[in-house]
Amino acid sequence: MVKSKINHIIYVEDDPEIIDLVSLILGKNGYEVTGVYNGREGLQRIIDEKPDLVLLDLMIPDLDGWEIYRQLKTHESTCDIPVIIITAKSQPIDQVIGIHIAKVDAYICKPFHPQEILDNIQKVLEIHNSVTESSQN
């Protein structure tokens, strides 16, 4: 299914170089990325802009990634926005907590391969869009 709409992604990450890299990769693949460098501002931008997807680091200043995730999932207007975690927390227990307990849509460990991000975003958006379409019918 080809979408004419450009998907808007907000990436909350405290490292500007990583945001620039991911923005470049995703921009070349038809995504619009807004980078935010701290937790409180990231949460507010997500609530205000309601992006199609959120990329979220866990270890960020101001408000950590798990708290942002918790607030997004309890806020009525943002609870359905898919979230992909991109983090240096790469221990198996961290991944189990993310995927099986917190129920994030995907969990990517740093360092990552660019194709891994693209594949995960495409998969998560396809699932989210098919669920949204079927719930509207």
Protein backbone atom coordinates (compact mmCIF):
# COMPACT_ATOMS: atom_id res chain seq x y z
CA MET A 1 0.00 0.00 0.00
CA VAL A 2 1.51 3.32 -1.08
CA LYS A 3 0.72 6.29 1.11
CA SER A 4 0.83 9.78 -0.31
CA LYS A 5 1.09 11.26 3.16
CA ILE A 6 4.52 11.97 4.64
CA ASN A 7 4.80 10.35 8.04
CA HIS A 8 5.81 12.75 10.81
CA ILE A 9 8.13 11.32 13.46
CA ILE A 10 9.26 12.98 16.67
CA TYR A 11 12.61 11.72 17.96
CA VAL A 12 13.36 12.49 21.63
CA GLU A 13 17.12 12.03 22.04
CA ASP A 14 19.75 14.08 23.88
CA ASP A 15 22.53 13.54 21.34
CA PRO A 16 22.18 16.00 18.43
CA GLU A 17 24.50 13.94 16.22
CA ILE A 18 22.28 10.88 16.52
CA ILE A 19 19.18 12.96 15.76
CA ASP A 20 20.94 14.42 12.71
CA LEU A 21 21.98 10.96 11.48
CA VAL A 22 18.53 9.43 11.97
CA SER A 23 16.85 12.50 10.42
CA LEU A 24 19.09 12.21 7.37
CA ILE A 25 18.39 8.49 6.95
CA LEU A 26 14.66 8.88 7.44
CA GLY A 27 14.41 12.06 5.37
CA LYS A 28 15.92 10.25 2.39
CA ASN A 29 13.20 7.65 2.81
CA GLY A 30 10.26 10.03 2.85
CA TYR A 31 9.82 10.70 6.56
CA GLU A 32 9.68 14.09 8.27
CA VAL A 33 11.62 14.06 11.56
CA THR A 34 11.46 16.58 14.40
CA GLY A 35 14.29 16.19 16.90
CA VAL A 36 13.83 17.16 20.54
CA TYR A 37 16.72 17.11 23.02
CA ASN A 38 15.04 16.81 26.42
CA GLY A 39 12.17 14.93 27.98
CA ARG A 40 9.74 17.64 29.05
CA GLU A 41 9.90 19.44 25.72
CA GLY A 42 9.63 16.11 23.90
CA LEU A 43 6.50 15.12 25.78
CA GLN A 44 4.89 18.50 25.12
CA ARG A 45 5.75 18.43 21.41
CA ILE A 46 4.27 14.93 21.08
CA ILE A 47 1.06 16.02 22.83
CA ASP A 48 0.83 19.19 20.71
CA GLU A 49 1.82 17.75 17.31
CA LYS A 50 0.46 14.18 17.55
CA PRO A 51 3.07 12.62 15.23
CA ASP A 52 2.54 9.36 13.37
CA LEU A 53 5.33 7.72 15.39
CA VAL A 54 7.70 8.50 18.27
CA LEU A 55 11.33 7.44 18.50
CA LEU A 56 12.38 7.62 22.13
CA ASP A 57 15.68 7.34 23.94
CA LEU A 58 15.39 6.15 27.55
CA MET A 59 18.27 8.08 29.11
CA ILE A 60 17.49 11.74 28.45
CA PRO A 61 17.58 14.83 30.63
CA ASP A 62 14.61 16.39 32.34
CA LEU A 63 12.20 13.46 32.09
CA ASP A 64 13.41 9.96 31.30
CA GLY A 65 12.08 7.96 28.38
CA TRP A 66 10.02 5.54 30.48
CA GLU A 67 8.20 8.43 32.13
CA ILE A 68 7.49 10.00 28.76
CA TYR A 69 6.21 6.65 27.50
CA ARG A 70 4.01 6.19 30.58
CA GLN A 71 2.50 9.64 30.19
CA LEU A 72 1.89 9.16 26.46
CA LYS A 73 0.07 5.89 27.05
CA THR A 74 -2.15 7.40 29.76
CA HIS A 75 -3.00 10.56 27.78
CA GLU A 76 -6.16 9.99 25.71
CA SER A 77 -4.95 11.94 22.69
CA THR A 78 -1.55 10.19 22.48
CA CYS A 79 -2.18 6.66 23.74
CA ASP A 80 -2.45 5.22 20.22
CA ILE A 81 0.77 6.76 18.86
CA PRO A 82 3.29 3.97 18.22
CA VAL A 83 6.60 4.24 20.09
CA ILE A 84 9.96 2.75 19.16
CA ILE A 85 12.66 2.82 21.83
CA ILE A 86 16.22 3.51 20.62
CA THR A 87 18.60 3.14 23.53
CA ALA A 88 22.02 2.10 24.78
CA LYS A 89 20.25 -0.06 27.40
CA SER A 90 20.95 -3.31 25.59
CA GLN A 91 20.80 -5.94 28.32
CA PRO A 92 18.30 -8.71 27.63
CA ILE A 93 16.29 -7.72 30.72
CA ASP A 94 15.91 -4.17 29.34
CA GLN A 95 14.53 -5.56 26.10
CA VAL A 96 12.14 -7.89 27.94
CA ILE A 97 10.87 -4.98 30.03
CA GLY A 98 10.41 -2.84 26.93
CA ILE A 99 8.74 -5.34 24.63
CA HIS A 100 6.88 -7.69 26.96
CA ILE A 101 6.08 -5.58 30.01
CA ALA A 102 5.84 -1.98 28.78
CA LYS A 103 4.56 -3.14 25.35
CA VAL A 104 6.57 -0.69 23.24
CA ASP A 105 6.14 -1.25 19.52
CA ALA A 106 9.85 -1.96 18.93
CA TYR A 107 13.11 -1.82 20.88
CA ILE A 108 16.35 -0.94 19.07
CA CYS A 109 19.73 -1.04 20.80
CA LYS A 110 22.55 1.39 20.10
CA PRO A 111 24.71 1.11 18.14
CA PHE A 112 22.18 0.37 15.42
CA HIS A 113 22.27 -0.25 11.70
CA PRO A 114 20.31 2.32 9.65
CA GLN A 115 18.33 -0.42 7.91
CA GLU A 116 17.21 -1.72 11.32
CA ILE A 117 15.54 1.63 12.05
CA LEU A 118 13.91 1.79 8.62
CA ASP A 119 12.63 -1.79 8.84
CA ASN A 120 11.19 -1.27 12.32
CA ILE A 121 9.50 2.01 11.42
CA GLN A 122 7.96 0.53 8.30
CA LYS A 123 6.73 -2.54 10.18
CA VAL A 124 5.31 -0.56 13.10
CA LEU A 125 3.55 1.96 10.85
CA GLU A 126 2.07 -0.81 8.67
CA ILE A 127 0.68 -2.58 11.74
CA HIS A 128 -0.59 0.67 13.25
CA ASN A 129 -2.23 1.78 9.99
CA SER A 130 -3.90 -1.60 9.43
CA VAL A 131 -5.27 -1.61 13.00
CA THR A 132 -6.49 1.99 12.61
CA GLU A 133 -8.16 1.21 9.27
CA SER A 134 -9.88 -1.91 10.60
CA SER A 135 -11.18 -0.07 13.68
CA GLN A 136 -12.69 2.62 11.45
CA ASN A 137 -14.65 0.06 9.41
